[in-house]
Amino acid sequence: MNYILGIDLGTSGSKAMIVDRTGKVLSTATVAHEVLTPRPAKR
């Protein structure tokens, strides 16, 4: 059987989904991650 893996890498988290060829969702996962922003250099 063949499966399709979809991945969404967003700014505050990542999501994944596995579906079969009929479109039935077999599994999903979501993981939040920290947003890193640069700080101005100290002078």
C-alpha atoms as a PDB file:
ATOM      1  CA  MET A   1       0.000   0.000   0.000  1.00  0.00           C
ATOM      2  CA  ASN A   2       1.247   3.516  -0.816  1.00  0.00           C
ATOM      3  CA  TYR A   3       1.044   6.461   1.559  1.00  0.00           C
ATOM      4  CA  ILE A   4       1.404  10.216   1.151  1.00  0.00           C
ATOM      5  CA  LEU A   5       3.239  12.343   3.728  1.00  0.00           C
ATOM      6  CA  GLY A   6       2.363  16.033   3.932  1.00  0.00           C
ATOM      7  CA  ILE A   7       4.577  18.418   5.917  1.00  0.00           C
ATOM      8  CA  ASP A   8       3.854  22.045   6.876  1.00  0.00           C
ATOM      9  CA  LEU A   9       6.745  24.029   8.352  1.00  0.00           C
ATOM     10  CA  GLY A  10       5.232  27.182   9.846  1.00  0.00           C
ATOM     11  CA  THR A  11       6.654  30.070  11.853  1.00  0.00           C
ATOM     12  CA  SER A  12       5.493  28.764  15.232  1.00  0.00           C
ATOM     13  CA  GLY A  13       5.209  25.029  14.621  1.00  0.00           C
ATOM     14  CA  SER A  14       5.467  22.078  12.274  1.00  0.00           C
ATOM     15  CA  LYS A  15       2.689  19.702  11.237  1.00  0.00           C
ATOM     16  CA  ALA A  16       2.707  16.373   9.427  1.00  0.00           C
ATOM     17  CA  MET A  17      -0.051  14.131   8.090  1.00  0.00           C
ATOM     18  CA  ILE A  18      -0.037  10.659   6.547  1.00  0.00           C
ATOM     19  CA  VAL A  19      -2.887   9.719   4.201  1.00  0.00           C
ATOM     20  CA  ASP A  20      -3.528   6.685   2.036  1.00  0.00           C
ATOM     21  CA  ARG A  21      -4.317   6.837  -1.682  1.00  0.00           C
ATOM     22  CA  THR A  22      -8.058   7.115  -0.979  1.00  0.00           C
ATOM     23  CA  GLY A  23      -7.506  10.258   1.121  1.00  0.00           C
ATOM     24  CA  LYS A  24      -8.107   8.596   4.488  1.00  0.00           C
ATOM     25  CA  VAL A  25      -6.050  10.315   7.215  1.00  0.00           C
ATOM     26  CA  LEU A  26      -3.978   7.681   9.016  1.00  0.00           C
ATOM     27  CA  SER A  27      -1.972   9.870  11.381  1.00  0.00           C
ATOM     28  CA  THR A  28      -1.230  13.493  12.243  1.00  0.00           C
ATOM     29  CA  ALA A  29       1.352  15.220  14.426  1.00  0.00           C
ATOM     30  CA  THR A  30       2.016  18.792  15.512  1.00  0.00           C
ATOM     31  CA  VAL A  31       5.085  20.201  17.239  1.00  0.00           C
ATOM     32  CA  ALA A  32       5.466  23.803  18.404  1.00  0.00           C
ATOM     33  CA  HIS A  33       8.861  25.438  18.150  1.00  0.00           C
ATOM     34  CA  GLU A  34      10.359  28.643  19.450  1.00  0.00           C
ATOM     35  CA  VAL A  35      10.547  31.633  17.158  1.00  0.00           C
ATOM     36  CA  LEU A  36      14.087  33.010  17.164  1.00  0.00           C
ATOM     37  CA  THR A  37      14.625  36.641  16.262  1.00  0.00           C
ATOM     38  CA  PRO A  38      17.988  38.414  16.110  1.00  0.00           C
ATOM     39  CA  ARG A  39      18.688  41.171  18.617  1.00  0.00           C
ATOM     40  CA  PRO A  40      20.511  44.380  17.774  1.00  0.00           C
ATOM     41  CA  ALA A  41      24.226  44.302  18.571  1.00  0.00           C
ATOM     42  CA  LYS A  42      25.305  46.120  21.748  1.00  0.00           C
ATOM     43  CA  ARG A  43      27.526  49.113  21.163  1.00  0.00           C
END
